[in-house]
Amino acid sequence: MNREMLQAQLQLGQYEVMEAHSGEQALELACKRPPDVVLLDVRLHGLSGYEICARLKSDVRTQHSAVIMVTGLRDEEDRSAAQAAGADEFVTKPFTVSELLTVIEAVLHRRHPSSAG
């Protein structure tokens, strides 16, 4: 339910949202249509969020996509692992939609300073 509410809020904020139900599907979608930003949970079934992030960052098609790692864990090891995998930001649950939108906008601004408002 949280994912559905977040998706609805992002769409209200004029973001186009693509959703994947597995790490493999996420990689496939991202390679077909590279996103500006990927919200990626650290803990997933199958591939870990760290592995997906590292693959996105090492693929020429997706290496410029910003990756925001999302987790319920507050462990410094998780933050370090996310940075090592190439994550651009790390957000810890719980967070508000407003807080997440601020992080997304900051990442987009860093990536495309001239297009940010």
N, C-alpha and C. Protein backbone atom coordinates (compact mmCIF):
# COMPACT_ATOMS: atom_id res chain seq x y z
N MET A 1 0.82 -1.19 0.00
CA MET A 1 0.00 0.00 0.00
C MET A 1 0.86 1.26 0.00
N ASN A 2 1.96 1.26 0.74
CA ASN A 2 2.84 2.42 0.75
C ASN A 2 3.38 2.72 -0.64
N ARG A 3 3.71 1.67 -1.39
CA ARG A 3 4.23 1.85 -2.74
C ARG A 3 3.17 2.49 -3.64
N GLU A 4 1.92 2.04 -3.49
CA GLU A 4 0.83 2.60 -4.30
C GLU A 4 0.59 4.07 -3.96
N MET A 5 0.63 4.41 -2.69
CA MET A 5 0.43 5.80 -2.28
C MET A 5 1.59 6.67 -2.78
N LEU A 6 2.80 6.17 -2.68
CA LEU A 6 3.95 6.91 -3.16
C LEU A 6 3.87 7.13 -4.66
N GLN A 7 3.50 6.08 -5.38
CA GLN A 7 3.36 6.19 -6.84
C GLN A 7 2.33 7.26 -7.20
N ALA A 8 1.20 7.26 -6.52
CA ALA A 8 0.15 8.25 -6.79
C ALA A 8 0.64 9.66 -6.51
N GLN A 9 1.37 9.84 -5.42
CA GLN A 9 1.89 11.17 -5.07
C GLN A 9 2.93 11.64 -6.09
N LEU A 10 3.78 10.74 -6.55
CA LEU A 10 4.77 11.11 -7.56
C LEU A 10 4.09 11.51 -8.87
N GLN A 11 3.05 10.78 -9.23
CA GLN A 11 2.32 11.11 -10.45
C GLN A 11 1.63 12.46 -10.31
N LEU A 12 1.09 12.76 -9.13
CA LEU A 12 0.50 14.08 -8.89
C LEU A 12 1.55 15.19 -9.03
N GLY A 13 2.79 14.86 -8.69
CA GLY A 13 3.89 15.80 -8.83
C GLY A 13 4.44 15.86 -10.24
N GLN A 14 3.72 15.29 -11.18
CA GLN A 14 4.07 15.31 -12.60
C GLN A 14 5.27 14.43 -12.96
N TYR A 15 5.56 13.44 -12.13
CA TYR A 15 6.61 12.49 -12.45
C TYR A 15 5.99 11.30 -13.16
N GLU A 16 6.66 10.82 -14.17
CA GLU A 16 6.24 9.58 -14.82
C GLU A 16 6.83 8.44 -14.01
N VAL A 17 6.03 7.46 -13.67
CA VAL A 17 6.47 6.38 -12.80
C VAL A 17 6.41 5.06 -13.56
N MET A 18 7.52 4.33 -13.54
CA MET A 18 7.56 2.96 -14.04
C MET A 18 7.83 2.09 -12.82
N GLU A 19 7.13 0.99 -12.71
CA GLU A 19 7.28 0.13 -11.55
C GLU A 19 7.75 -1.25 -11.98
N ALA A 20 8.69 -1.79 -11.24
CA ALA A 20 9.18 -3.15 -11.49
C ALA A 20 8.91 -3.98 -10.25
N HIS A 21 8.62 -5.26 -10.46
CA HIS A 21 8.30 -6.15 -9.34
C HIS A 21 9.46 -7.08 -8.98
N SER A 22 10.57 -6.93 -9.69
CA SER A 22 11.77 -7.71 -9.36
C SER A 22 12.98 -6.93 -9.83
N GLY A 23 14.12 -7.30 -9.31
CA GLY A 23 15.37 -6.66 -9.73
C GLY A 23 15.64 -6.87 -11.20
N GLU A 24 15.39 -8.08 -11.68
CA GLU A 24 15.62 -8.38 -13.08
C GLU A 24 14.73 -7.53 -13.97
N GLN A 25 13.46 -7.39 -13.58
CA GLN A 25 12.53 -6.57 -14.36
C GLN A 25 12.96 -5.09 -14.32
N ALA A 26 13.43 -4.63 -13.19
CA ALA A 26 13.89 -3.24 -13.07
C ALA A 26 15.05 -2.98 -14.03
N LEU A 27 16.00 -3.89 -14.07
CA LEU A 27 17.14 -3.73 -14.97
C LEU A 27 16.70 -3.71 -16.43
N GLU A 28 15.79 -4.61 -16.77
CA GLU A 28 15.28 -4.69 -18.13
C GLU A 28 14.57 -3.39 -18.54
N LEU A 29 13.68 -2.91 -17.67
CA LEU A 29 12.96 -1.67 -17.96
C LEU A 29 13.91 -0.49 -18.08
N ALA A 30 14.85 -0.39 -17.17
CA ALA A 30 15.78 0.73 -17.17
C ALA A 30 16.66 0.74 -18.41
N CYS A 31 17.05 -0.42 -18.87
CA CYS A 31 17.90 -0.49 -20.06
C CYS A 31 17.12 -0.15 -21.33
N LYS A 32 15.84 -0.48 -21.35
CA LYS A 32 15.00 -0.16 -22.51
C LYS A 32 14.68 1.32 -22.57
N ARG A 33 14.46 1.90 -21.40
CA ARG A 33 14.05 3.30 -21.31
C ARG A 33 14.71 3.92 -20.08
N PRO A 34 15.96 4.35 -20.20
CA PRO A 34 16.71 4.84 -19.04
C PRO A 34 15.98 5.98 -18.31
N PRO A 35 15.74 5.79 -17.03
CA PRO A 35 15.06 6.82 -16.23
C PRO A 35 16.03 7.89 -15.76
N ASP A 36 15.47 9.04 -15.40
CA ASP A 36 16.29 10.09 -14.79
C ASP A 36 16.66 9.69 -13.36
N VAL A 37 15.69 9.08 -12.65
CA VAL A 37 15.89 8.71 -11.24
C VAL A 37 15.31 7.32 -11.01
N VAL A 38 16.04 6.54 -10.23
CA VAL A 38 15.57 5.22 -9.81
C VAL A 38 15.44 5.24 -8.30
N LEU A 39 14.24 4.91 -7.79
CA LEU A 39 14.06 4.69 -6.35
C LEU A 39 14.20 3.19 -6.14
N LEU A 40 15.13 2.81 -5.32
CA LEU A 40 15.50 1.41 -5.22
C LEU A 40 15.60 0.99 -3.77
N ASP A 41 14.79 0.01 -3.38
CA ASP A 41 14.84 -0.49 -2.01
C ASP A 41 16.10 -1.34 -1.84
N VAL A 42 16.71 -1.23 -0.69
CA VAL A 42 17.92 -2.01 -0.40
C VAL A 42 17.61 -3.50 -0.34
N ARG A 43 16.53 -3.84 0.33
CA ARG A 43 16.16 -5.24 0.54
C ARG A 43 15.11 -5.67 -0.47
N LEU A 44 15.49 -6.56 -1.35
CA LEU A 44 14.60 -7.08 -2.38
C LEU A 44 14.74 -8.59 -2.45
N HIS A 45 13.75 -9.24 -3.05
CA HIS A 45 13.86 -10.67 -3.31
C HIS A 45 14.76 -10.85 -4.52
N GLY A 46 15.58 -11.87 -4.51
CA GLY A 46 16.48 -12.09 -5.64
C GLY A 46 17.70 -11.20 -5.50
N LEU A 47 17.94 -10.37 -6.49
CA LEU A 47 19.07 -9.45 -6.45
C LEU A 47 18.87 -8.41 -5.36
N SER A 48 19.96 -8.04 -4.69
CA SER A 48 19.85 -6.98 -3.69
C SER A 48 19.80 -5.63 -4.39
N GLY A 49 19.30 -4.64 -3.68
CA GLY A 49 19.30 -3.28 -4.21
C GLY A 49 20.70 -2.81 -4.55
N TYR A 50 21.68 -3.23 -3.76
CA TYR A 50 23.07 -2.84 -4.03
C TYR A 50 23.53 -3.40 -5.37
N GLU A 51 23.20 -4.66 -5.64
CA GLU A 51 23.59 -5.30 -6.90
C GLU A 51 22.93 -4.61 -8.08
N ILE A 52 21.65 -4.30 -7.95
CA ILE A 52 20.94 -3.62 -9.03
C ILE A 52 21.57 -2.24 -9.28
N CYS A 53 21.85 -1.51 -8.21
CA CYS A 53 22.47 -0.20 -8.33
C CYS A 53 23.82 -0.31 -9.06
N ALA A 54 24.64 -1.24 -8.64
CA ALA A 54 25.95 -1.42 -9.27
C ALA A 54 25.81 -1.75 -10.76
N ARG A 55 24.85 -2.59 -11.09
CA ARG A 55 24.63 -2.93 -12.50
C ARG A 55 24.15 -1.73 -13.30
N LEU A 56 23.24 -0.95 -12.72
CA LEU A 56 22.77 0.25 -13.41
C LEU A 56 23.92 1.22 -13.67
N LYS A 57 24.76 1.39 -12.67
CA LYS A 57 25.87 2.35 -12.79
C LYS A 57 26.98 1.85 -13.72
N SER A 58 27.06 0.54 -13.94
CA SER A 58 28.12 0.02 -14.81
C SER A 58 27.66 -0.17 -16.25
N ASP A 59 26.37 0.02 -16.52
CA ASP A 59 25.83 -0.15 -17.87
C ASP A 59 25.80 1.21 -18.56
N VAL A 60 26.37 1.29 -19.76
CA VAL A 60 26.45 2.56 -20.48
C VAL A 60 25.06 3.16 -20.73
N ARG A 61 24.05 2.32 -20.82
CA ARG A 61 22.69 2.82 -21.07
C ARG A 61 22.07 3.49 -19.85
N THR A 62 22.49 3.10 -18.68
CA THR A 62 21.85 3.59 -17.45
C THR A 62 22.81 4.26 -16.48
N GLN A 63 24.05 4.40 -16.85
CA GLN A 63 25.04 4.92 -15.90
C GLN A 63 24.76 6.36 -15.46
N HIS A 64 23.99 7.10 -16.24
CA HIS A 64 23.68 8.48 -15.86
C HIS A 64 22.36 8.61 -15.11
N SER A 65 21.66 7.51 -14.92
CA SER A 65 20.44 7.55 -14.11
C SER A 65 20.83 7.70 -12.65
N ALA A 66 20.18 8.62 -11.96
CA ALA A 66 20.45 8.80 -10.54
C ALA A 66 19.76 7.68 -9.78
N VAL A 67 20.42 7.16 -8.76
CA VAL A 67 19.83 6.09 -7.95
C VAL A 67 19.70 6.59 -6.51
N ILE A 68 18.46 6.53 -6.02
CA ILE A 68 18.18 6.86 -4.62
C ILE A 68 17.83 5.55 -3.93
N MET A 69 18.68 5.12 -3.03
CA MET A 69 18.45 3.90 -2.27
C MET A 69 17.52 4.21 -1.11
N VAL A 70 16.53 3.35 -0.91
CA VAL A 70 15.54 3.52 0.14
C VAL A 70 15.60 2.31 1.06
N THR A 71 15.63 2.56 2.38
CA THR A 71 15.70 1.44 3.31
C THR A 71 15.07 1.79 4.66
N GLY A 72 14.68 0.78 5.37
CA GLY A 72 14.20 0.95 6.73
C GLY A 72 15.34 0.80 7.72
N LEU A 73 16.50 0.46 7.23
CA LEU A 73 17.66 0.25 8.09
C LEU A 73 18.42 1.54 8.31
N ARG A 74 18.96 1.69 9.48
CA ARG A 74 19.71 2.91 9.81
C ARG A 74 21.19 2.61 10.04
N ASP A 75 21.62 1.50 9.57
CA ASP A 75 22.98 1.03 9.77
C ASP A 75 23.95 1.78 8.84
N GLU A 76 25.05 2.25 9.41
CA GLU A 76 26.06 2.95 8.61
C GLU A 76 26.66 2.03 7.55
N GLU A 77 26.67 0.73 7.81
CA GLU A 77 27.17 -0.22 6.80
C GLU A 77 26.31 -0.18 5.55
N ASP A 78 24.99 -0.04 5.73
CA ASP A 78 24.09 0.04 4.58
C ASP A 78 24.35 1.29 3.76
N ARG A 79 24.57 2.40 4.43
CA ARG A 79 24.87 3.65 3.73
C ARG A 79 26.19 3.52 2.96
N SER A 80 27.18 2.93 3.59
CA SER A 80 28.48 2.73 2.92
C SER A 80 28.35 1.79 1.73
N ALA A 81 27.56 0.73 1.88
CA ALA A 81 27.37 -0.21 0.77
C ALA A 81 26.64 0.46 -0.38
N ALA A 82 25.68 1.32 -0.07
CA ALA A 82 24.95 2.05 -1.11
C ALA A 82 25.90 2.98 -1.87
N GLN A 83 26.75 3.68 -1.14
CA GLN A 83 27.72 4.57 -1.78
C GLN A 83 28.69 3.77 -2.65
N ALA A 84 29.15 2.63 -2.15
CA ALA A 84 30.09 1.79 -2.91
C ALA A 84 29.45 1.27 -4.19
N ALA A 85 28.13 1.04 -4.15
CA ALA A 85 27.43 0.55 -5.34
C ALA A 85 27.17 1.66 -6.35
N GLY A 86 27.36 2.91 -5.91
CA GLY A 86 27.19 4.04 -6.82
C GLY A 86 25.94 4.86 -6.59
N ALA A 87 25.24 4.63 -5.48
CA ALA A 87 24.01 5.37 -5.21
C ALA A 87 24.29 6.87 -5.08
N ASP A 88 23.36 7.66 -5.58
CA ASP A 88 23.49 9.11 -5.51
C ASP A 88 22.97 9.66 -4.19
N GLU A 89 21.97 8.99 -3.63
CA GLU A 89 21.39 9.40 -2.34
C GLU A 89 20.92 8.15 -1.61
N PHE A 90 20.64 8.33 -0.33
CA PHE A 90 20.21 7.24 0.55
C PHE A 90 19.13 7.81 1.45
N VAL A 91 17.92 7.26 1.41
CA VAL A 91 16.80 7.75 2.20
C VAL A 91 16.36 6.64 3.15
N THR A 92 16.19 7.00 4.42
CA THR A 92 15.80 6.03 5.43
C THR A 92 14.32 6.19 5.77
N LYS A 93 13.62 5.04 5.79
CA LYS A 93 12.21 5.02 6.19
C LYS A 93 12.12 5.21 7.70
N PRO A 94 11.09 5.79 8.22
CA PRO A 94 9.99 6.40 7.49
C PRO A 94 10.38 7.78 6.98
N PHE A 95 9.79 8.16 5.86
CA PHE A 95 9.99 9.49 5.31
C PHE A 95 8.64 9.96 4.77
N THR A 96 8.52 11.26 4.63
CA THR A 96 7.29 11.80 4.07
C THR A 96 7.48 11.94 2.56
N VAL A 97 6.38 12.02 1.85
CA VAL A 97 6.45 12.22 0.40
C VAL A 97 7.16 13.54 0.12
N SER A 98 6.89 14.54 0.92
CA SER A 98 7.54 15.84 0.75
C SER A 98 9.06 15.72 0.88
N GLU A 99 9.52 14.96 1.87
CA GLU A 99 10.96 14.76 2.04
C GLU A 99 11.56 14.04 0.84
N LEU A 100 10.87 13.02 0.35
CA LEU A 100 11.37 12.27 -0.80
C LEU A 100 11.39 13.15 -2.04
N LEU A 101 10.35 13.95 -2.25
CA LEU A 101 10.32 14.84 -3.41
C LEU A 101 11.47 15.85 -3.35
N THR A 102 11.81 16.31 -2.17
CA THR A 102 12.95 17.22 -2.01
C THR A 102 14.24 16.55 -2.43
N VAL A 103 14.43 15.29 -2.04
CA VAL A 103 15.63 14.54 -2.43
C VAL A 103 15.65 14.33 -3.94
N ILE A 104 14.52 13.93 -4.52
CA ILE A 104 14.45 13.71 -5.97
C ILE A 104 14.78 15.00 -6.71
N GLU A 105 14.19 16.10 -6.30
CA GLU A 105 14.45 17.38 -6.96
C GLU A 105 15.91 17.79 -6.83
N ALA A 106 16.51 17.55 -5.68
CA ALA A 106 17.93 17.88 -5.49
C ALA A 106 18.81 17.04 -6.41
N VAL A 107 18.50 15.76 -6.53
CA VAL A 107 19.27 14.88 -7.42
C VAL A 107 19.12 15.33 -8.86
N LEU A 108 17.90 15.64 -9.26
CA LEU A 108 17.68 16.11 -10.63
C LEU A 108 18.39 17.43 -10.89
N HIS A 109 18.38 18.30 -9.90
CA HIS A 109 19.08 19.58 -10.05
C HIS A 109 20.58 19.38 -10.23
N ARG A 110 21.15 18.48 -9.46
CA ARG A 110 22.59 18.19 -9.61
C ARG A 110 22.89 17.61 -10.99
N ARG A 111 21.98 16.79 -11.51
CA ARG A 111 22.18 16.15 -12.81
C ARG A 111 21.96 17.13 -13.97
N HIS A 112 20.97 18.01 -13.81
CA HIS A 112 20.59 18.93 -14.88
C HIS A 112 20.36 20.33 -14.31
N PRO A 113 21.42 21.02 -13.89
CA PRO A 113 21.25 22.31 -13.19
C PRO A 113 20.47 23.35 -14.00
N SER A 114 20.62 23.36 -15.30
CA SER A 114 19.97 24.39 -16.11
C SER A 114 18.48 24.17 -16.27
N SER A 115 17.99 22.93 -16.05
CA SER A 115 16.56 22.64 -16.25
C SER A 115 15.77 22.66 -14.96
N ALA A 116 16.45 22.76 -13.82
CA ALA A 116 15.75 22.76 -12.54
C ALA A 116 15.20 24.16 -12.26
N GLY A 117 14.03 24.19 -11.60
CA GLY A 117 13.42 25.48 -11.34
C GLY A 117 13.63 25.87 -9.95
